[in-house]
Amino acid sequence: MKTLILFSLVVLSFSGCKDATQAQFKSLGKKHIITQWGCDGKVIGKWESTGNVSNESNSDGWYFEDSKTGKLVEITGSITIELE
């Protein structure tokens, strides 16, 4: 019975989410392509994450694990984040 109640609460909490929030949950654990842009509109850097991309609290920074090197990358500035 407890499992059914917990499942119902989870379903209800997700049913009220907006599309963007639902998309965030669906993207968890999937590889992302992160592109950093310069002021001139040219690509400064481009990475593929191993999974999640997170944002820094109280900042415009982002961090993720680079799939090529296995190292933590922290960036800020103009970036785009796309699912692979």
N, C-alpha and C. Protein backbone atom coordinates (compact mmCIF):
# COMPACT_ATOMS: atom_id res chain seq x y z
N MET A 1 0.81 -1.20 0.00
CA MET A 1 0.00 0.00 0.00
C MET A 1 0.86 1.26 0.00
N LYS A 2 1.96 1.25 0.80
CA LYS A 2 2.85 2.41 0.86
C LYS A 2 3.48 2.67 -0.50
N THR A 3 3.81 1.60 -1.22
CA THR A 3 4.41 1.75 -2.55
C THR A 3 3.42 2.40 -3.51
N LEU A 4 2.17 1.99 -3.44
CA LEU A 4 1.14 2.56 -4.31
C LEU A 4 0.95 4.05 -4.02
N ILE A 5 0.95 4.42 -2.75
CA ILE A 5 0.80 5.83 -2.38
C ILE A 5 1.99 6.64 -2.87
N LEU A 6 3.20 6.12 -2.67
CA LEU A 6 4.40 6.81 -3.12
C LEU A 6 4.39 6.98 -4.64
N PHE A 7 4.03 5.92 -5.36
CA PHE A 7 3.95 5.98 -6.82
C PHE A 7 2.93 7.04 -7.25
N SER A 8 1.79 7.07 -6.59
CA SER A 8 0.74 8.05 -6.92
C SER A 8 1.23 9.47 -6.69
N LEU A 9 1.97 9.70 -5.62
CA LEU A 9 2.50 11.03 -5.35
C LEU A 9 3.50 11.45 -6.41
N VAL A 10 4.34 10.53 -6.84
CA VAL A 10 5.32 10.83 -7.89
C VAL A 10 4.61 11.17 -9.18
N VAL A 11 3.62 10.37 -9.56
CA VAL A 11 2.87 10.63 -10.79
C VAL A 11 2.17 11.98 -10.72
N LEU A 12 1.55 12.28 -9.60
CA LEU A 12 0.87 13.56 -9.46
C LEU A 12 1.83 14.73 -9.51
N SER A 13 3.01 14.58 -8.94
CA SER A 13 3.96 15.68 -8.95
C SER A 13 4.47 15.95 -10.36
N PHE A 14 4.62 14.89 -11.17
CA PHE A 14 5.08 15.10 -12.54
C PHE A 14 3.97 15.58 -13.46
N SER A 15 2.74 15.25 -13.15
CA SER A 15 1.65 15.64 -14.03
C SER A 15 1.42 17.15 -14.02
N GLY A 16 1.86 17.83 -12.98
CA GLY A 16 1.70 19.27 -12.90
C GLY A 16 2.86 20.05 -13.48
N CYS A 17 3.91 19.36 -13.91
CA CYS A 17 5.11 20.03 -14.44
C CYS A 17 4.86 20.60 -15.83
N LYS A 18 5.55 21.65 -16.13
CA LYS A 18 5.51 22.22 -17.47
C LYS A 18 6.38 21.36 -18.40
N ASP A 19 6.24 21.56 -19.71
CA ASP A 19 6.98 20.78 -20.69
C ASP A 19 8.48 20.85 -20.48
N ALA A 20 9.01 22.04 -20.21
CA ALA A 20 10.46 22.19 -20.03
C ALA A 20 10.96 21.41 -18.82
N THR A 21 10.19 21.41 -17.76
CA THR A 21 10.59 20.67 -16.56
C THR A 21 10.57 19.17 -16.84
N GLN A 22 9.56 18.71 -17.55
CA GLN A 22 9.49 17.30 -17.91
C GLN A 22 10.67 16.93 -18.81
N ALA A 23 11.03 17.80 -19.73
CA ALA A 23 12.16 17.55 -20.62
C ALA A 23 13.46 17.45 -19.83
N GLN A 24 13.60 18.28 -18.78
CA GLN A 24 14.79 18.20 -17.94
C GLN A 24 14.89 16.83 -17.29
N PHE A 25 13.80 16.32 -16.75
CA PHE A 25 13.82 15.01 -16.11
C PHE A 25 14.13 13.91 -17.12
N LYS A 26 13.59 14.01 -18.32
CA LYS A 26 13.83 13.01 -19.35
C LYS A 26 15.28 13.01 -19.82
N SER A 27 15.95 14.15 -19.71
CA SER A 27 17.32 14.25 -20.20
C SER A 27 18.37 13.78 -19.20
N LEU A 28 17.96 13.52 -17.96
CA LEU A 28 18.92 13.10 -16.94
C LEU A 28 19.63 11.82 -17.35
N GLY A 29 20.95 11.85 -17.25
CA GLY A 29 21.76 10.69 -17.57
C GLY A 29 22.09 10.53 -19.04
N LYS A 30 21.52 11.35 -19.91
CA LYS A 30 21.80 11.27 -21.34
C LYS A 30 22.97 12.19 -21.69
N LYS A 31 23.70 11.85 -22.74
CA LYS A 31 24.82 12.67 -23.17
C LYS A 31 24.32 14.00 -23.74
N HIS A 32 25.07 15.06 -23.45
CA HIS A 32 24.75 16.40 -23.93
C HIS A 32 25.93 16.96 -24.72
N ILE A 33 25.63 17.78 -25.68
CA ILE A 33 26.66 18.53 -26.42
C ILE A 33 26.63 19.95 -25.87
N ILE A 34 27.77 20.40 -25.36
CA ILE A 34 27.89 21.74 -24.79
C ILE A 34 28.80 22.55 -25.68
N THR A 35 28.31 23.69 -26.15
CA THR A 35 29.10 24.58 -27.02
C THR A 35 29.23 25.92 -26.35
N GLN A 36 30.46 26.43 -26.29
CA GLN A 36 30.71 27.75 -25.71
C GLN A 36 31.02 28.71 -26.86
N TRP A 37 30.37 29.88 -26.82
CA TRP A 37 30.46 30.85 -27.90
C TRP A 37 31.22 32.10 -27.46
N GLY A 38 32.03 32.65 -28.38
CA GLY A 38 32.73 33.90 -28.12
C GLY A 38 31.84 35.09 -28.46
N CYS A 39 32.31 36.28 -28.14
CA CYS A 39 31.56 37.51 -28.43
C CYS A 39 31.33 37.70 -29.93
N ASP A 40 32.23 37.14 -30.74
CA ASP A 40 32.10 37.28 -32.19
C ASP A 40 31.21 36.21 -32.81
N GLY A 41 30.62 35.35 -31.98
CA GLY A 41 29.74 34.31 -32.48
C GLY A 41 30.45 33.05 -32.93
N LYS A 42 31.76 32.98 -32.73
CA LYS A 42 32.53 31.79 -33.10
C LYS A 42 32.62 30.84 -31.91
N VAL A 43 32.76 29.57 -32.23
CA VAL A 43 32.85 28.54 -31.20
C VAL A 43 34.20 28.63 -30.49
N ILE A 44 34.17 28.74 -29.17
CA ILE A 44 35.39 28.76 -28.36
C ILE A 44 35.75 27.33 -27.94
N GLY A 45 34.73 26.57 -27.55
CA GLY A 45 34.95 25.19 -27.12
C GLY A 45 33.70 24.37 -27.33
N LYS A 46 33.92 23.06 -27.45
CA LYS A 46 32.79 22.16 -27.64
C LYS A 46 33.12 20.85 -26.94
N TRP A 47 32.16 20.35 -26.14
CA TRP A 47 32.36 19.14 -25.37
C TRP A 47 31.14 18.25 -25.46
N GLU A 48 31.35 16.98 -25.12
CA GLU A 48 30.24 16.04 -24.95
C GLU A 48 30.31 15.56 -23.51
N SER A 49 29.22 15.69 -22.80
CA SER A 49 29.19 15.26 -21.40
C SER A 49 28.95 13.76 -21.31
N THR A 50 29.32 13.20 -20.17
CA THR A 50 29.04 11.79 -19.93
C THR A 50 27.60 11.57 -19.50
N GLY A 51 26.93 12.64 -19.15
CA GLY A 51 25.54 12.53 -18.68
C GLY A 51 25.01 13.89 -18.30
N ASN A 52 24.84 14.13 -17.04
CA ASN A 52 24.20 15.35 -16.55
C ASN A 52 25.07 16.59 -16.72
N VAL A 53 24.40 17.71 -16.97
CA VAL A 53 25.03 19.03 -16.97
C VAL A 53 24.32 19.82 -15.88
N SER A 54 25.09 20.39 -14.97
CA SER A 54 24.50 21.10 -13.84
C SER A 54 24.93 22.55 -13.83
N ASN A 55 24.09 23.40 -13.26
CA ASN A 55 24.46 24.80 -13.16
C ASN A 55 24.91 25.13 -11.75
N GLU A 56 25.81 26.10 -11.67
CA GLU A 56 26.31 26.56 -10.38
C GLU A 56 25.22 27.38 -9.69
N SER A 57 25.06 27.19 -8.42
CA SER A 57 24.09 28.01 -7.70
C SER A 57 24.66 29.41 -7.54
N ASN A 58 23.80 30.40 -7.68
CA ASN A 58 24.17 31.82 -7.54
C ASN A 58 25.23 32.26 -8.54
N SER A 59 25.22 31.68 -9.74
CA SER A 59 26.18 32.06 -10.77
C SER A 59 25.63 31.68 -12.13
N ASP A 60 26.32 32.10 -13.18
CA ASP A 60 25.91 31.70 -14.53
C ASP A 60 26.79 30.56 -15.06
N GLY A 61 27.52 29.90 -14.17
CA GLY A 61 28.41 28.82 -14.56
C GLY A 61 27.72 27.48 -14.68
N TRP A 62 28.34 26.61 -15.46
CA TRP A 62 27.84 25.25 -15.68
C TRP A 62 28.99 24.28 -15.49
N TYR A 63 28.69 23.04 -15.09
CA TYR A 63 29.75 22.05 -14.97
C TYR A 63 29.24 20.68 -15.38
N PHE A 64 30.19 19.85 -15.85
CA PHE A 64 29.87 18.53 -16.35
C PHE A 64 31.16 17.73 -16.48
N GLU A 65 31.03 16.43 -16.69
CA GLU A 65 32.18 15.57 -16.93
C GLU A 65 32.35 15.39 -18.43
N ASP A 66 33.54 15.70 -18.93
CA ASP A 66 33.84 15.56 -20.36
C ASP A 66 34.00 14.08 -20.69
N SER A 67 33.28 13.59 -21.70
CA SER A 67 33.31 12.17 -22.04
C SER A 67 34.66 11.74 -22.62
N LYS A 68 35.40 12.66 -23.24
CA LYS A 68 36.71 12.30 -23.81
C LYS A 68 37.78 12.13 -22.74
N THR A 69 37.83 13.07 -21.81
CA THR A 69 38.91 13.08 -20.82
C THR A 69 38.51 12.53 -19.46
N GLY A 70 37.21 12.49 -19.18
CA GLY A 70 36.76 12.07 -17.86
C GLY A 70 36.97 13.13 -16.80
N LYS A 71 37.35 14.34 -17.22
CA LYS A 71 37.63 15.42 -16.29
C LYS A 71 36.42 16.34 -16.13
N LEU A 72 36.37 16.99 -14.98
CA LEU A 72 35.33 17.98 -14.71
C LEU A 72 35.62 19.24 -15.51
N VAL A 73 34.63 19.75 -16.19
CA VAL A 73 34.75 21.00 -16.94
C VAL A 73 33.77 21.99 -16.32
N GLU A 74 34.25 23.18 -16.02
CA GLU A 74 33.41 24.26 -15.50
C GLU A 74 33.55 25.44 -16.44
N ILE A 75 32.41 25.92 -16.97
CA ILE A 75 32.45 27.03 -17.92
C ILE A 75 31.38 28.06 -17.56
N THR A 76 31.55 29.23 -18.13
CA THR A 76 30.57 30.31 -17.97
C THR A 76 30.55 31.08 -19.28
N GLY A 77 29.58 31.94 -19.44
CA GLY A 77 29.48 32.74 -20.66
C GLY A 77 28.33 32.29 -21.52
N SER A 78 28.46 32.56 -22.81
CA SER A 78 27.41 32.18 -23.76
C SER A 78 27.59 30.74 -24.17
N ILE A 79 26.64 29.91 -23.78
CA ILE A 79 26.72 28.49 -24.13
C ILE A 79 25.37 27.97 -24.60
N THR A 80 25.44 26.88 -25.35
CA THR A 80 24.22 26.15 -25.70
C THR A 80 24.42 24.72 -25.20
N ILE A 81 23.35 24.12 -24.75
CA ILE A 81 23.37 22.75 -24.27
C ILE A 81 22.29 21.99 -25.03
N GLU A 82 22.69 20.92 -25.71
CA GLU A 82 21.75 20.15 -26.51
C GLU A 82 21.91 18.67 -26.17
N LEU A 83 20.82 17.93 -26.27
CA LEU A 83 20.92 16.48 -26.15
C LEU A 83 21.55 15.93 -27.41
N GLU A 84 22.36 14.92 -27.25
CA GLU A 84 23.02 14.30 -28.40
C GLU A 84 21.99 13.64 -29.28
